[in-house]
Amino acid sequence: WQTYLERRASTLHFLQCKLSLQLLEEYQKRLELLRKCYYYLEVLPTHVVQRDQNHLSTPTSIFQIMDPWKFQRVKRQGRTQVEIQLQLLTELLEQLQRGRQELACYMETCDVATFLSKWDLIMQRQSDLSGMMTSFVSLQEKRQLHTRDHLVPCTVVRGAKAPNISLFLSRKMPVMFDRTESVAHENWANLRWFTEDQESHPERYELHFRLLKNGTQQALGHCGLVAVTSNTCAVCGLLPDRSYEFMIRRVETYTLVYEPWHDTIILKTKADAAEG
């Protein structure tokens, strides 16, 4: 009986502290956030020293001397790696959820003799789940992307040693509308958005909008795009008493490899006061 109480307390501690429901909820929210992130290919170094025929040295952007076709192939490899990582995180989270349910079932349904007889299995299950939690955390870390492609041809560096290029997969937090501050008026709308980490440097965004349920000839093709470098924008020239869909995204860059999600919001403009 004493052995049973000690082992039961050990399993209960594992479920309440190491693999709690709160932790699994945090993992679920983290995974949902990662599915919405922007993923980029980070290239280091960003510049190299290039020498001309007069042996003059000039700093040159690595992208100016890089083979563009090979870089596109590496970007496809990066996209595939991101998709694999997200799939692995999904499967790990599902296994953690099932594993916790399995251990909780042992706690609730097994009598003393059955629980003690399954102790080796319970211990092995706890060890496996601990390893899965470690893997779930490590998969989110910044990773280097390995490739066999030589991105900088030797002919470009004129006989000098080709630069040792390192490739990393980095991510940026998703852009999301502020549902409280984004409002529509009679013929214009004020949109505001944010990112979770609130980058200090200004970013370039594209705000797309289109009219929904445009049944009249006047409303056909009523859509547009606004480029901004802030986190707010006023869209004018809208039709009154109409529903519009707004979509926000970062401006696509040369190093973007995966952009699985855009935030959208639907706002309805107010009715024309004069007509009312």
Protein backbone atom coordinates (compact mmCIF):
# COMPACT_ATOMS: atom_id res chain seq x y z
CA TRP A 1 0.00 0.00 0.00
CA GLN A 2 2.84 2.39 0.84
CA THR A 3 4.51 1.63 -2.51
CA TYR A 4 1.23 2.29 -4.29
CA LEU A 5 0.76 5.65 -2.59
CA GLU A 6 4.31 6.78 -3.41
CA ARG A 7 4.07 5.75 -7.07
CA ARG A 8 0.62 7.24 -7.45
CA ALA A 9 1.84 10.53 -5.96
CA SER A 10 4.80 10.51 -8.37
CA THR A 11 2.51 10.08 -11.38
CA LEU A 12 0.13 12.73 -10.08
CA HIS A 13 3.05 15.18 -9.72
CA PHE A 14 4.05 14.49 -13.34
CA LEU A 15 0.50 15.20 -14.56
CA GLN A 16 -0.03 18.32 -12.48
CA CYS A 17 3.41 19.93 -12.78
CA LYS A 18 5.41 18.63 -15.74
CA LEU A 19 2.57 17.84 -18.16
CA SER A 20 -0.30 19.93 -16.85
CA LEU A 21 -3.38 20.91 -18.82
CA GLN A 22 -2.21 24.53 -18.61
CA LEU A 23 1.10 23.59 -20.27
CA LEU A 24 -0.70 21.77 -23.09
CA GLU A 25 -2.92 24.82 -23.62
CA GLU A 26 0.19 27.00 -23.86
CA TYR A 27 1.68 24.55 -26.37
CA GLN A 28 -1.54 24.68 -28.39
CA LYS A 29 -1.55 28.50 -28.47
CA ARG A 30 2.13 28.54 -29.41
CA LEU A 31 1.53 26.12 -32.28
CA GLU A 32 -1.38 28.19 -33.58
CA LEU A 33 0.86 31.26 -33.49
CA LEU A 34 3.70 29.49 -35.33
CA ARG A 35 1.26 28.46 -38.06
CA LYS A 36 0.56 32.15 -38.72
CA CYS A 37 4.17 33.39 -38.69
CA TYR A 38 6.19 34.67 -41.64
CA TYR A 39 9.26 32.55 -42.36
CA TYR A 40 12.39 33.95 -43.97
CA LEU A 41 15.74 32.71 -45.19
CA GLU A 42 18.47 34.56 -43.32
CA VAL A 43 21.81 34.69 -45.16
CA LEU A 44 25.10 35.35 -43.35
CA PRO A 45 27.29 37.18 -44.09
CA THR A 46 25.13 39.86 -45.67
CA HIS A 47 28.12 41.50 -47.41
CA VAL A 48 31.47 40.34 -48.79
CA VAL A 49 34.59 42.20 -49.93
CA GLN A 50 35.08 42.07 -53.68
CA ARG A 51 38.28 43.11 -55.47
CA ASP A 52 38.49 44.56 -58.96
CA GLN A 53 41.36 44.40 -61.49
CA ASN A 54 43.12 47.26 -59.73
CA HIS A 55 42.99 45.32 -56.44
CA LEU A 56 40.55 47.81 -54.98
CA SER A 57 38.26 46.36 -52.33
CA THR A 58 34.56 47.21 -52.24
CA PRO A 59 31.86 45.78 -49.97
CA THR A 60 29.19 44.00 -52.02
CA SER A 61 25.80 42.66 -50.99
CA ILE A 62 25.80 38.88 -50.97
CA PHE A 63 22.61 38.88 -53.05
CA GLN A 64 24.32 40.75 -55.91
CA ILE A 65 26.78 37.93 -56.52
CA MET A 66 24.54 35.02 -55.60
CA ASP A 67 23.19 32.62 -58.22
CA PRO A 68 19.45 33.55 -58.30
CA TRP A 69 18.30 30.14 -59.61
CA LYS A 70 20.11 28.24 -56.89
CA PHE A 71 18.82 30.64 -54.27
CA GLN A 72 15.24 29.99 -55.41
CA ARG A 73 15.89 26.26 -55.06
CA VAL A 74 17.21 26.80 -51.53
CA LYS A 75 14.09 28.83 -50.72
CA ARG A 76 11.93 25.88 -51.78
CA GLN A 77 14.01 23.67 -49.48
CA GLY A 78 13.42 26.17 -46.68
CA ARG A 79 9.68 26.13 -47.28
CA THR A 80 9.66 22.34 -47.15
CA GLN A 81 11.61 22.36 -43.88
CA VAL A 82 9.14 24.83 -42.32
CA GLU A 83 6.20 22.65 -43.36
CA ILE A 84 7.89 19.57 -41.89
CA GLN A 85 8.63 21.36 -38.61
CA LEU A 86 5.01 22.51 -38.26
CA GLN A 87 3.77 19.00 -39.01
CA LEU A 88 6.15 17.50 -36.44
CA LEU A 89 5.00 20.01 -33.82
CA THR A 90 1.38 19.11 -34.56
CA GLU A 91 2.05 15.39 -34.18
CA LEU A 92 4.09 15.87 -31.00
CA LEU A 93 1.32 17.92 -29.41
CA GLU A 94 -1.27 15.27 -30.31
CA GLN A 95 0.92 12.55 -28.77
CA LEU A 96 1.39 14.60 -25.60
CA GLN A 97 -2.37 15.08 -25.29
CA ARG A 98 -3.05 11.36 -25.82
CA GLY A 99 -0.25 10.39 -23.44
CA ARG A 100 -1.63 12.57 -20.68
CA GLN A 101 -5.09 11.09 -21.14
CA GLU A 102 -3.59 7.61 -20.96
CA LEU A 103 -1.78 8.30 -17.67
CA ALA A 104 -4.85 10.00 -16.21
CA CYS A 105 -6.89 6.92 -17.14
CA TYR A 106 -4.47 4.69 -15.20
CA MET A 107 -4.89 6.95 -12.20
CA GLU A 108 -8.69 6.91 -12.34
CA THR A 109 -9.52 3.32 -13.29
CA CYS A 110 -6.75 1.03 -12.04
CA ASP A 111 -6.99 -0.65 -8.66
CA VAL A 112 -3.90 -1.08 -6.48
CA ALA A 113 -2.76 -4.41 -7.94
CA THR A 114 -3.33 -3.36 -11.55
CA PHE A 115 -1.57 -0.01 -11.05
CA LEU A 116 1.50 -1.68 -9.51
CA SER A 117 1.60 -4.30 -12.25
CA LYS A 118 1.66 -1.54 -14.90
CA TRP A 119 4.28 0.56 -13.13
CA ASP A 120 7.10 -0.20 -15.59
CA LEU A 121 4.81 0.77 -18.46
CA ILE A 122 3.76 3.98 -16.66
CA MET A 123 7.40 4.94 -16.00
CA GLN A 124 8.32 4.31 -19.64
CA ARG A 125 5.37 6.42 -20.76
CA GLN A 126 6.43 9.30 -18.55
CA SER A 127 9.98 9.09 -19.92
CA ASP A 128 8.69 9.11 -23.52
CA LEU A 129 6.44 12.10 -22.85
CA SER A 130 9.32 14.02 -21.24
CA GLY A 131 11.37 13.45 -24.37
CA MET A 132 8.49 14.68 -26.54
CA MET A 133 8.24 17.88 -24.50
CA THR A 134 11.96 18.49 -25.02
CA SER A 135 11.56 17.90 -28.76
CA PHE A 136 8.57 20.26 -28.92
CA VAL A 137 10.63 23.07 -27.43
CA SER A 138 13.79 22.40 -29.47
CA LEU A 139 11.90 22.34 -32.77
CA GLN A 140 10.96 26.00 -32.23
CA GLU A 141 14.57 27.15 -32.03
CA LYS A 142 16.28 28.96 -34.86
CA ARG A 143 17.79 26.37 -37.20
CA GLN A 144 20.48 26.36 -39.82
CA LEU A 145 19.50 25.24 -43.29
CA HIS A 146 22.07 22.98 -44.94
CA THR A 147 22.37 22.79 -48.71
CA ARG A 148 24.82 21.37 -51.24
CA ASP A 149 24.31 24.25 -53.65
CA HIS A 150 27.20 26.72 -54.06
CA LEU A 151 25.24 29.95 -54.06
CA VAL A 152 28.21 32.13 -55.09
CA PRO A 153 30.01 30.95 -58.25
CA CYS A 154 33.80 30.91 -58.01
CA THR A 155 34.04 33.00 -61.21
CA VAL A 156 32.27 35.89 -59.46
CA VAL A 157 34.90 36.22 -56.74
CA ARG A 158 37.70 36.17 -59.37
CA GLY A 159 39.78 33.32 -58.08
CA ALA A 160 39.48 34.28 -54.43
CA LYS A 161 38.10 31.87 -51.89
CA ALA A 162 34.32 31.69 -52.08
CA PRO A 163 32.67 33.09 -48.94
CA ASN A 164 31.44 30.61 -46.39
CA ILE A 165 27.69 31.28 -46.44
CA SER A 166 25.44 30.21 -43.58
CA LEU A 167 21.68 29.92 -44.06
CA PHE A 168 19.16 30.11 -41.23
CA LEU A 169 15.39 29.93 -41.04
CA SER A 170 14.00 32.86 -39.08
CA ARG A 171 10.44 33.96 -38.44
CA LYS A 172 8.43 37.07 -37.70
CA MET A 173 5.26 37.22 -35.66
CA PRO A 174 1.98 37.45 -37.62
CA VAL A 175 0.34 40.80 -38.34
CA MET A 176 -3.13 41.05 -36.75
CA PHE A 177 -5.84 43.68 -36.83
CA ASP A 178 -6.75 45.54 -33.67
CA ARG A 179 -10.45 44.63 -33.51
CA THR A 180 -11.15 47.41 -31.02
CA GLU A 181 -9.46 50.31 -32.82
CA SER A 182 -10.42 49.32 -36.39
CA VAL A 183 -13.71 51.05 -37.22
CA ALA A 184 -15.72 52.01 -40.30
CA HIS A 185 -17.48 55.34 -40.82
CA GLU A 186 -19.86 56.51 -43.51
CA ASN A 187 -17.46 56.53 -46.49
CA TRP A 188 -14.10 55.69 -44.95
CA ALA A 189 -12.52 53.26 -42.49
CA ASN A 190 -9.66 53.53 -40.04
CA LEU A 191 -7.61 50.33 -39.70
CA ARG A 192 -5.04 49.54 -37.05
CA TRP A 193 -2.88 46.41 -36.68
CA PHE A 194 -0.07 45.07 -34.53
CA THR A 195 2.39 42.22 -34.07
CA GLU A 196 2.96 40.34 -30.84
CA ASP A 197 6.59 41.40 -30.47
CA GLN A 198 5.99 44.95 -31.81
CA GLU A 199 9.14 45.41 -33.92
CA SER A 200 10.92 48.70 -33.18
CA HIS A 201 11.87 49.44 -36.80
CA PRO A 202 9.12 50.39 -39.28
CA GLU A 203 7.84 47.65 -41.55
CA ARG A 204 6.24 47.81 -44.97
CA TYR A 205 2.68 46.53 -45.18
CA GLU A 206 0.03 46.01 -47.82
CA LEU A 207 -3.59 46.69 -46.87
CA HIS A 208 -6.04 45.07 -49.30
CA PHE A 209 -9.76 45.81 -49.31
CA ARG A 210 -12.75 44.68 -51.37
CA LEU A 211 -16.47 45.18 -51.35
CA LEU A 212 -18.57 42.19 -50.30
CA LYS A 213 -21.88 41.23 -51.88
CA ASN A 214 -21.45 43.76 -54.68
CA GLY A 215 -24.70 43.21 -56.51
CA THR A 216 -25.02 46.56 -58.30
CA GLN A 217 -23.11 47.82 -61.32
CA GLN A 218 -21.79 50.72 -59.27
CA ALA A 219 -20.11 48.38 -56.81
CA LEU A 220 -18.47 46.08 -59.35
CA GLY A 221 -14.71 45.98 -59.02
CA HIS A 222 -14.68 48.18 -55.94
CA CYS A 223 -11.42 47.07 -54.33
CA GLY A 224 -7.92 48.34 -53.80
CA LEU A 225 -4.51 48.13 -52.17
CA VAL A 226 -2.75 50.64 -49.95
CA ALA A 227 1.00 50.45 -49.16
CA VAL A 228 1.97 51.82 -45.76
CA THR A 229 4.97 51.87 -43.41
CA SER A 230 3.06 52.32 -40.17
CA ASN A 231 0.58 50.31 -38.13
CA THR A 232 -2.47 52.37 -39.06
CA CYS A 233 -4.18 53.48 -42.26
CA ALA A 234 -7.31 55.39 -43.30
CA VAL A 235 -9.09 54.03 -46.40
CA CYS A 236 -11.28 56.66 -48.05
CA GLY A 237 -13.78 56.62 -50.89
CA LEU A 238 -15.87 53.72 -49.58
CA LEU A 239 -19.56 53.27 -50.25
CA PRO A 240 -21.97 53.87 -47.37
CA ASP A 241 -23.94 51.03 -45.81
CA ARG A 242 -21.72 48.36 -47.36
CA SER A 243 -19.61 45.53 -45.96
CA TYR A 244 -15.90 45.50 -46.80
CA GLU A 245 -13.27 42.86 -46.20
CA PHE A 246 -9.81 44.14 -45.25
CA MET A 247 -6.66 42.04 -45.36
CA ILE A 248 -3.23 42.98 -43.97
CA ARG A 249 0.13 41.45 -44.84
CA ARG A 250 3.79 42.33 -44.91
CA VAL A 251 5.26 43.34 -48.24
CA GLU A 252 6.89 40.28 -49.80
CA THR A 253 10.69 40.32 -49.73
CA TYR A 254 13.34 38.37 -51.62
CA THR A 255 14.05 36.13 -48.63
CA LEU A 256 10.44 35.20 -47.77
CA VAL A 257 9.96 31.42 -47.98
CA TYR A 258 6.61 30.72 -46.27
CA GLU A 259 3.57 32.89 -45.62
CA PRO A 260 0.68 30.58 -44.73
CA TRP A 261 -1.82 33.05 -43.27
CA HIS A 262 -3.18 36.60 -43.53
CA ASP A 263 -5.42 38.34 -41.05
CA THR A 264 -8.75 39.63 -42.35
CA ILE A 265 -11.50 41.73 -40.83
CA ILE A 266 -14.97 42.64 -42.12
CA LEU A 267 -16.37 46.12 -41.37
CA LYS A 268 -19.64 47.70 -42.46
CA THR A 269 -19.76 51.38 -43.28
CA LYS A 270 -22.51 53.50 -41.80
CA ALA A 271 -25.59 54.50 -43.78
CA ASP A 272 -25.61 57.84 -45.60
CA ALA A 273 -27.01 60.38 -43.13
CA ALA A 274 -28.51 62.52 -45.92
CA GLU A 275 -30.35 59.57 -47.46
CA GLY A 276 -31.55 58.51 -44.02
